[in-house]
Amino acid sequence: MERITVYTKHGCGPCLITKKYLTEHGIPFKEINVSEQPTGLEDLQDRGIKSVPVTVIGDWEDYWTGLEMDRLEGLK
């Protein structure tokens, strides 16, 4: 099971960059596309999060919104 989950949506440039970075560096992750999975959108809304990408570590022990290259690099 992946310890990283990335919430994305269609047409989101920062989402594509986040996924590409993780893939190119061999970092396994689970993607939840809120355009296709309404429960993912509800989960973010319940937490007061209104934008993607959202990168979640573990069971929400840590997370960030937006494209955070320095934090992505820290996952290597």
PDB file of N, CA and C in Angstrom:
ATOM      1  N   MET A   1       0.845  -1.185   0.000  1.00  0.00           N
ATOM      2  CA  MET A   1       0.000   0.000   0.000  1.00  0.00           C
ATOM      3  C   MET A   1       0.890   1.248   0.000  1.00  0.00           C
ATOM      4  N   GLU A   2       0.549   2.198  -0.845  1.00  0.00           N
ATOM      5  CA  GLU A   2       1.316   3.427  -0.928  1.00  0.00           C
ATOM      6  C   GLU A   2       1.096   4.275   0.321  1.00  0.00           C
ATOM      7  N   ARG A   3       2.143   4.949   0.744  1.00  0.00           N
ATOM      8  CA  ARG A   3       2.006   5.838   1.892  1.00  0.00           C
ATOM      9  C   ARG A   3       1.718   7.264   1.452  1.00  0.00           C
ATOM     10  N   ILE A   4       1.739   7.505   0.121  1.00  0.00           N
ATOM     11  CA  ILE A   4       1.477   8.836  -0.410  1.00  0.00           C
ATOM     12  C   ILE A   4       0.228   8.776  -1.277  1.00  0.00           C
ATOM     13  N   THR A   5      -0.660   9.722  -1.058  1.00  0.00           N
ATOM     14  CA  THR A   5      -1.856   9.867  -1.877  1.00  0.00           C
ATOM     15  C   THR A   5      -1.845  11.262  -2.456  1.00  0.00           C
ATOM     16  N   VAL A   6      -2.147  11.362  -3.752  1.00  0.00           N
ATOM     17  CA  VAL A   6      -2.208  12.662  -4.408  1.00  0.00           C
ATOM     18  C   VAL A   6      -3.621  12.850  -4.952  1.00  0.00           C
ATOM     19  N   TYR A   7      -4.286  13.884  -4.476  1.00  0.00           N
ATOM     20  CA  TYR A   7      -5.601  14.262  -4.983  1.00  0.00           C
ATOM     21  C   TYR A   7      -5.390  15.184  -6.182  1.00  0.00           C
ATOM     22  N   THR A   8      -6.026  14.854  -7.296  1.00  0.00           N
ATOM     23  CA  THR A   8      -5.850  15.593  -8.535  1.00  0.00           C
ATOM     24  C   THR A   8      -7.197  15.873  -9.176  1.00  0.00           C
ATOM     25  N   LYS A   9      -7.168  16.580 -10.317  1.00  0.00           N
ATOM     26  CA  LYS A   9      -8.357  16.725 -11.167  1.00  0.00           C
ATOM     27  C   LYS A   9      -7.885  16.896 -12.601  1.00  0.00           C
ATOM     28  N   HIS A  10      -8.791  16.689 -13.532  1.00  0.00           N
ATOM     29  CA  HIS A  10      -8.477  16.851 -14.940  1.00  0.00           C
ATOM     30  C   HIS A  10      -8.085  18.298 -15.236  1.00  0.00           C
ATOM     31  N   GLY A  11      -7.113  18.468 -16.128  1.00  0.00           N
ATOM     32  CA  GLY A  11      -6.717  19.800 -16.575  1.00  0.00           C
ATOM     33  C   GLY A  11      -5.898  20.592 -15.576  1.00  0.00           C
ATOM     34  N   CYS A  12      -5.331  19.948 -14.599  1.00  0.00           N
ATOM     35  CA  CYS A  12      -4.563  20.626 -13.546  1.00  0.00           C
ATOM     36  C   CYS A  12      -3.074  20.453 -13.821  1.00  0.00           C
ATOM     37  N   GLY A  13      -2.415  21.517 -14.251  1.00  0.00           N
ATOM     38  CA  GLY A  13      -0.988  21.467 -14.541  1.00  0.00           C
ATOM     39  C   GLY A  13      -0.138  21.068 -13.347  1.00  0.00           C
ATOM     40  N   PRO A  14      -0.324  21.712 -12.182  1.00  0.00           N
ATOM     41  CA  PRO A  14       0.461  21.316 -11.007  1.00  0.00           C
ATOM     42  C   PRO A  14       0.240  19.850 -10.610  1.00  0.00           C
ATOM     43  N   CYS A  15      -0.956  19.338 -10.859  1.00  0.00           N
ATOM     44  CA  CYS A  15      -1.226  17.920 -10.570  1.00  0.00           C
ATOM     45  C   CYS A  15      -0.365  17.036 -11.461  1.00  0.00           C
ATOM     46  N   LEU A  16      -0.294  17.377 -12.745  1.00  0.00           N
ATOM     47  CA  LEU A  16       0.517  16.599 -13.686  1.00  0.00           C
ATOM     48  C   LEU A  16       1.989  16.629 -13.304  1.00  0.00           C
ATOM     49  N   ILE A  17       2.488  17.798 -12.905  1.00  0.00           N
ATOM     50  CA  ILE A  17       3.888  17.924 -12.518  1.00  0.00           C
ATOM     51  C   ILE A  17       4.174  17.098 -11.265  1.00  0.00           C
ATOM     52  N   THR A  18       3.268  17.138 -10.300  1.00  0.00           N
ATOM     53  CA  THR A  18       3.431  16.356  -9.072  1.00  0.00           C
ATOM     54  C   THR A  18       3.503  14.871  -9.392  1.00  0.00           C
ATOM     55  N   LYS A  19       2.558  14.374 -10.191  1.00  0.00           N
ATOM     56  CA  LYS A  19       2.536  12.956 -10.545  1.00  0.00           C
ATOM     57  C   LYS A  19       3.787  12.572 -11.337  1.00  0.00           C
ATOM     58  N   LYS A  20       4.196  13.429 -12.259  1.00  0.00           N
ATOM     59  CA  LYS A  20       5.389  13.152 -13.065  1.00  0.00           C
ATOM     60  C   LYS A  20       6.631  13.060 -12.186  1.00  0.00           C
ATOM     61  N   TYR A  21       6.768  13.983 -11.251  1.00  0.00           N
ATOM     62  CA  TYR A  21       7.920  13.971 -10.351  1.00  0.00           C
ATOM     63  C   TYR A  21       7.969  12.666  -9.562  1.00  0.00           C
ATOM     64  N   LEU A  22       6.855  12.304  -8.953  1.00  0.00           N
ATOM     65  CA  LEU A  22       6.818  11.085  -8.147  1.00  0.00           C
ATOM     66  C   LEU A  22       7.136   9.858  -8.993  1.00  0.00           C
ATOM     67  N   THR A  23       6.553   9.789 -10.177  1.00  0.00           N
ATOM     68  CA  THR A  23       6.781   8.655 -11.068  1.00  0.00           C
ATOM     69  C   THR A  23       8.238   8.582 -11.499  1.00  0.00           C
ATOM     70  N   GLU A  24       8.809   9.715 -11.930  1.00  0.00           N
ATOM     71  CA  GLU A  24      10.192   9.724 -12.406  1.00  0.00           C
ATOM     72  C   GLU A  24      11.197   9.375 -11.312  1.00  0.00           C
ATOM     73  N   HIS A  25      10.832   9.611 -10.071  1.00  0.00           N
ATOM     74  CA  HIS A  25      11.744   9.313  -8.964  1.00  0.00           C
ATOM     75  C   HIS A  25      11.403   8.001  -8.259  1.00  0.00           C
ATOM     76  N   GLY A  26      10.529   7.221  -8.869  1.00  0.00           N
ATOM     77  CA  GLY A  26      10.212   5.900  -8.340  1.00  0.00           C
ATOM     78  C   GLY A  26       9.525   5.924  -6.993  1.00  0.00           C
ATOM     79  N   ILE A  27       8.786   6.987  -6.723  1.00  0.00           N
ATOM     80  CA  ILE A  27       8.078   7.114  -5.452  1.00  0.00           C
ATOM     81  C   ILE A  27       6.643   6.648  -5.667  1.00  0.00           C
ATOM     82  N   PRO A  28       6.265   5.524  -5.072  1.00  0.00           N
ATOM     83  CA  PRO A  28       4.906   5.012  -5.285  1.00  0.00           C
ATOM     84  C   PRO A  28       3.865   5.918  -4.638  1.00  0.00           C
ATOM     85  N   PHE A  29       2.738   6.069  -5.328  1.00  0.00           N
ATOM     86  CA  PHE A  29       1.652   6.885  -4.799  1.00  0.00           C
ATOM     87  C   PHE A  29       0.323   6.386  -5.336  1.00  0.00           C
ATOM     88  N   LYS A  30      -0.695   6.732  -4.616  1.00  0.00           N
ATOM     89  CA  LYS A  30      -2.065   6.457  -5.031  1.00  0.00           C
ATOM     90  C   LYS A  30      -2.652   7.779  -5.500  1.00  0.00           C
ATOM     91  N   GLU A  31      -3.336   7.760  -6.640  1.00  0.00           N
ATOM     92  CA  GLU A  31      -3.985   8.970  -7.142  1.00  0.00           C
ATOM     93  C   GLU A  31      -5.485   8.884  -6.911  1.00  0.00           C
ATOM     94  N   ILE A  32      -6.048   9.972  -6.403  1.00  0.00           N
ATOM     95  CA  ILE A  32      -7.502  10.108  -6.314  1.00  0.00           C
ATOM     96  C   ILE A  32      -7.868  11.317  -7.158  1.00  0.00           C
ATOM     97  N   ASN A  33      -8.474  11.054  -8.319  1.00  0.00           N
ATOM     98  CA  ASN A  33      -8.873  12.121  -9.223  1.00  0.00           C
ATOM     99  C   ASN A  33     -10.288  12.551  -8.835  1.00  0.00           C
ATOM    100  N   VAL A  34     -10.403  13.751  -8.288  1.00  0.00           N
ATOM    101  CA  VAL A  34     -11.697  14.208  -7.780  1.00  0.00           C
ATOM    102  C   VAL A  34     -12.684  14.472  -8.909  1.00  0.00           C
ATOM    103  N   SER A  35     -12.202  14.560 -10.156  1.00  0.00           N
ATOM    104  CA  SER A  35     -13.099  14.701 -11.301  1.00  0.00           C
ATOM    105  C   SER A  35     -13.846  13.395 -11.558  1.00  0.00           C
ATOM    106  N   GLU A  36     -13.246  12.290 -11.151  1.00  0.00           N
ATOM    107  CA  GLU A  36     -13.824  10.959 -11.392  1.00  0.00           C
ATOM    108  C   GLU A  36     -14.344  10.294 -10.125  1.00  0.00           C
ATOM    109  N   GLN A  37     -13.846  10.740  -8.969  1.00  0.00           N
ATOM    110  CA  GLN A  37     -14.203  10.102  -7.703  1.00  0.00           C
ATOM    111  C   GLN A  37     -14.790  11.147  -6.753  1.00  0.00           C
ATOM    112  N   PRO A  38     -16.106  11.303  -6.778  1.00  0.00           N
ATOM    113  CA  PRO A  38     -16.742  12.332  -5.945  1.00  0.00           C
ATOM    114  C   PRO A  38     -16.464  12.178  -4.451  1.00  0.00           C
ATOM    115  N   THR A  39     -16.206  10.959  -3.985  1.00  0.00           N
ATOM    116  CA  THR A  39     -15.906  10.800  -2.559  1.00  0.00           C
ATOM    117  C   THR A  39     -14.576  11.464  -2.205  1.00  0.00           C
ATOM    118  N   GLY A  40     -13.658  11.498  -3.151  1.00  0.00           N
ATOM    119  CA  GLY A  40     -12.396  12.197  -2.925  1.00  0.00           C
ATOM    120  C   GLY A  40     -12.608  13.688  -2.764  1.00  0.00           C
ATOM    121  N   LEU A  41     -13.478  14.249  -3.594  1.00  0.00           N
ATOM    122  CA  LEU A  41     -13.810  15.669  -3.487  1.00  0.00           C
ATOM    123  C   LEU A  41     -14.482  15.953  -2.150  1.00  0.00           C
ATOM    124  N   GLU A  42     -15.380  15.092  -1.741  1.00  0.00           N
ATOM    125  CA  GLU A  42     -16.058  15.261  -0.451  1.00  0.00           C
ATOM    126  C   GLU A  42     -15.052  15.213   0.697  1.00  0.00           C
ATOM    127  N   ASP A  43     -14.093  14.309   0.598  1.00  0.00           N
ATOM    128  CA  ASP A  43     -13.066  14.189   1.637  1.00  0.00           C
ATOM    129  C   ASP A  43     -12.298  15.501   1.776  1.00  0.00           C
ATOM    130  N   LEU A  44     -11.897  16.089   0.647  1.00  0.00           N
ATOM    131  CA  LEU A  44     -11.177  17.362   0.697  1.00  0.00           C
ATOM    132  C   LEU A  44     -12.066  18.469   1.254  1.00  0.00           C
ATOM    133  N   GLN A  45     -13.297  18.532   0.796  1.00  0.00           N
ATOM    134  CA  GLN A  45     -14.218  19.575   1.269  1.00  0.00           C
ATOM    135  C   GLN A  45     -14.470  19.454   2.762  1.00  0.00           C
ATOM    136  N   ASP A  46     -14.581  18.231   3.265  1.00  0.00           N
ATOM    137  CA  ASP A  46     -14.784  18.016   4.699  1.00  0.00           C
ATOM    138  C   ASP A  46     -13.605  18.545   5.516  1.00  0.00           C
ATOM    139  N   ARG A  47     -12.432  18.589   4.903  1.00  0.00           N
ATOM    140  CA  ARG A  47     -11.233  19.093   5.570  1.00  0.00           C
ATOM    141  C   ARG A  47     -10.992  20.575   5.296  1.00  0.00           C
ATOM    142  N   GLY A  48     -11.913  21.186   4.542  1.00  0.00           N
ATOM    143  CA  GLY A  48     -11.788  22.611   4.239  1.00  0.00           C
ATOM    144  C   GLY A  48     -10.796  22.921   3.134  1.00  0.00           C
ATOM    145  N   ILE A  49     -10.420  21.920   2.374  1.00  0.00           N
ATOM    146  CA  ILE A  49      -9.452  22.100   1.289  1.00  0.00           C
ATOM    147  C   ILE A  49     -10.211  22.353  -0.008  1.00  0.00           C
ATOM    148  N   LYS A  50      -9.797  23.411  -0.709  1.00  0.00           N
ATOM    149  CA  LYS A  50     -10.549  23.826  -1.892  1.00  0.00           C
ATOM    150  C   LYS A  50      -9.756  23.771  -3.188  1.00  0.00           C
ATOM    151  N   SER A  51      -8.517  23.285  -3.142  1.00  0.00           N
ATOM    152  CA  SER A  51      -7.725  23.243  -4.365  1.00  0.00           C
ATOM    153  C   SER A  51      -6.884  21.973  -4.416  1.00  0.00           C
ATOM    154  N   VAL A  52      -6.456  21.634  -5.601  1.00  0.00           N
ATOM    155  CA  VAL A  52      -5.581  20.491  -5.826  1.00  0.00           C
ATOM    156  C   VAL A  52      -4.356  20.979  -6.579  1.00  0.00           C
ATOM    157  N   PRO A  53      -3.269  20.265  -6.568  1.00  0.00           N
ATOM    158  CA  PRO A  53      -3.100  18.956  -5.960  1.00  0.00           C
ATOM    159  C   PRO A  53      -2.980  19.048  -4.448  1.00  0.00           C
ATOM    160  N   VAL A  54      -3.354  17.955  -3.820  1.00  0.00           N
ATOM    161  CA  VAL A  54      -3.110  17.781  -2.389  1.00  0.00           C
ATOM    162  C   VAL A  54      -2.292  16.507  -2.261  1.00  0.00           C
ATOM    163  N   THR A  55      -1.135  16.626  -1.646  1.00  0.00           N
ATOM    164  CA  THR A  55      -0.258  15.479  -1.418  1.00  0.00           C
ATOM    165  C   THR A  55      -0.368  15.108   0.052  1.00  0.00           C
ATOM    166  N   VAL A  56      -0.754  13.860   0.293  1.00  0.00           N
ATOM    167  CA  VAL A  56      -1.005  13.380   1.658  1.00  0.00           C
ATOM    168  C   VAL A  56      -0.009  12.282   1.991  1.00  0.00           C
ATOM    169  N   ILE A  57       0.597  12.411   3.152  1.00  0.00           N
ATOM    170  CA  ILE A  57       1.513  11.394   3.650  1.00  0.00           C
ATOM    171  C   ILE A  57       0.780  10.554   4.682  1.00  0.00           C
ATOM    172  N   GLY A  58       0.804   9.239   4.467  1.00  0.00           N
ATOM    173  CA  GLY A  58       0.149   8.323   5.397  1.00  0.00           C
ATOM    174  C   GLY A  58      -1.337   8.599   5.506  1.00  0.00           C
ATOM    175  N   ASP A  59      -1.826   8.547   6.709  1.00  0.00           N
ATOM    176  CA  ASP A  59      -3.246   8.784   6.975  1.00  0.00           C
ATOM    177  C   ASP A  59      -3.436  10.225   7.450  1.00  0.00           C
ATOM    178  N   TRP A  60      -3.023  11.157   6.612  1.00  0.00           N
ATOM    179  CA  TRP A  60      -3.123  12.598   6.877  1.00  0.00           C
ATOM    180  C   TRP A  60      -2.210  13.037   8.016  1.00  0.00           C
ATOM    181  N   GLU A  61      -1.104  12.293   8.269  1.00  0.00           N
ATOM    182  CA  GLU A  61      -0.140  12.744   9.271  1.00  0.00           C
ATOM    183  C   GLU A  61       0.484  14.065   8.824  1.00  0.00           C
ATOM    184  N   ASP A  62       0.678  14.189   7.517  1.00  0.00           N
ATOM    185  CA  ASP A  62       1.220  15.411   6.933  1.00  0.00           C
ATOM    186  C   ASP A  62       0.589  15.558   5.565  1.00  0.00           C
ATOM    187  N   TYR A  63       0.391  16.784   5.128  1.00  0.00           N
ATOM    188  CA  TYR A  63      -0.123  17.019   3.779  1.00  0.00           C
ATOM    189  C   TYR A  63       0.170  18.449   3.388  1.00  0.00           C
ATOM    190  N   TRP A  64       0.108  18.688   2.076  1.00  0.00           N
ATOM    191  CA  TRP A  64       0.218  20.056   1.577  1.00  0.00           C
ATOM    192  C   TRP A  64      -0.601  20.197   0.310  1.00  0.00           C
ATOM    193  N   THR A  65      -0.988  21.419   0.044  1.00  0.00           N
ATOM    194  CA  THR A  65      -1.734  21.723  -1.169  1.00  0.00           C
ATOM    195  C   THR A  65      -0.826  22.469  -2.136  1.00  0.00           C
ATOM    196  N   GLY A  66      -1.095  22.291  -3.408  1.00  0.00           N
ATOM    197  CA  GLY A  66      -0.325  22.979  -4.432  1.00  0.00           C
ATOM    198  C   GLY A  66       0.944  22.231  -4.789  1.00  0.00           C
ATOM    199  N   LEU A  67       1.704  22.833  -5.690  1.00  0.00           N
ATOM    200  CA  LEU A  67       2.959  22.249  -6.151  1.00  0.00           C
ATOM    201  C   LEU A  67       4.081  22.729  -5.244  1.00  0.00           C
ATOM    202  N   GLU A  68       4.600  21.832  -4.442  1.00  0.00           N
ATOM    203  CA  GLU A  68       5.658  22.138  -3.466  1.00  0.00           C
ATOM    204  C   GLU A  68       6.879  21.293  -3.801  1.00  0.00           C
ATOM    205  N   MET A  69       7.696  21.778  -4.743  1.00  0.00           N
ATOM    206  CA  MET A  69       8.833  20.992  -5.211  1.00  0.00           C
ATOM    207  C   MET A  69       9.807  20.650  -4.083  1.00  0.00           C
ATOM    208  N   ASP A  70      10.039  21.567  -3.161  1.00  0.00           N
ATOM    209  CA  ASP A  70      10.970  21.274  -2.068  1.00  0.00           C
ATOM    210  C   ASP A  70      10.454  20.135  -1.199  1.00  0.00           C
ATOM    211  N   ARG A  71       9.160  20.092  -0.991  1.00  0.00           N
ATOM    212  CA  ARG A  71       8.593  19.018  -0.170  1.00  0.00           C
ATOM    213  C   ARG A  71       8.599  17.694  -0.936  1.00  0.00           C
ATOM    214  N   LEU A  72       8.346  17.756  -2.246  1.00  0.00           N
ATOM    215  CA  LEU A  72       8.425  16.552  -3.064  1.00  0.00           C
ATOM    216  C   LEU A  72       9.847  15.983  -3.037  1.00  0.00           C
ATOM    217  N   GLU A  73      10.839  16.873  -3.150  1.00  0.00           N
ATOM    218  CA  GLU A  73      12.228  16.421  -3.117  1.00  0.00           C
ATOM    219  C   GLU A  73      12.577  15.758  -1.791  1.00  0.00           C
ATOM    220  N   GLY A  74      11.928  16.185  -0.723  1.00  0.00           N
ATOM    221  CA  GLY A  74      12.161  15.586   0.585  1.00  0.00           C
ATOM    222  C   GLY A  74      11.632  14.163   0.708  1.00  0.00           C
ATOM    223  N   LEU A  75      10.843  13.732  -0.260  1.00  0.00           N
ATOM    224  CA  LEU A  75      10.286  12.377  -0.225  1.00  0.00           C
ATOM    225  C   LEU A  75      11.242  11.337  -0.792  1.00  0.00           C
ATOM    226  N   LYS A  76      12.301  11.762  -1.441  1.00  0.00           N
ATOM    227  CA  LYS A  76      13.248  10.818  -2.069  1.00  0.00           C
ATOM    228  C   LYS A  76      13.998  10.029  -1.028  1.00  0.00           C
TER     229      LYS A  76
END
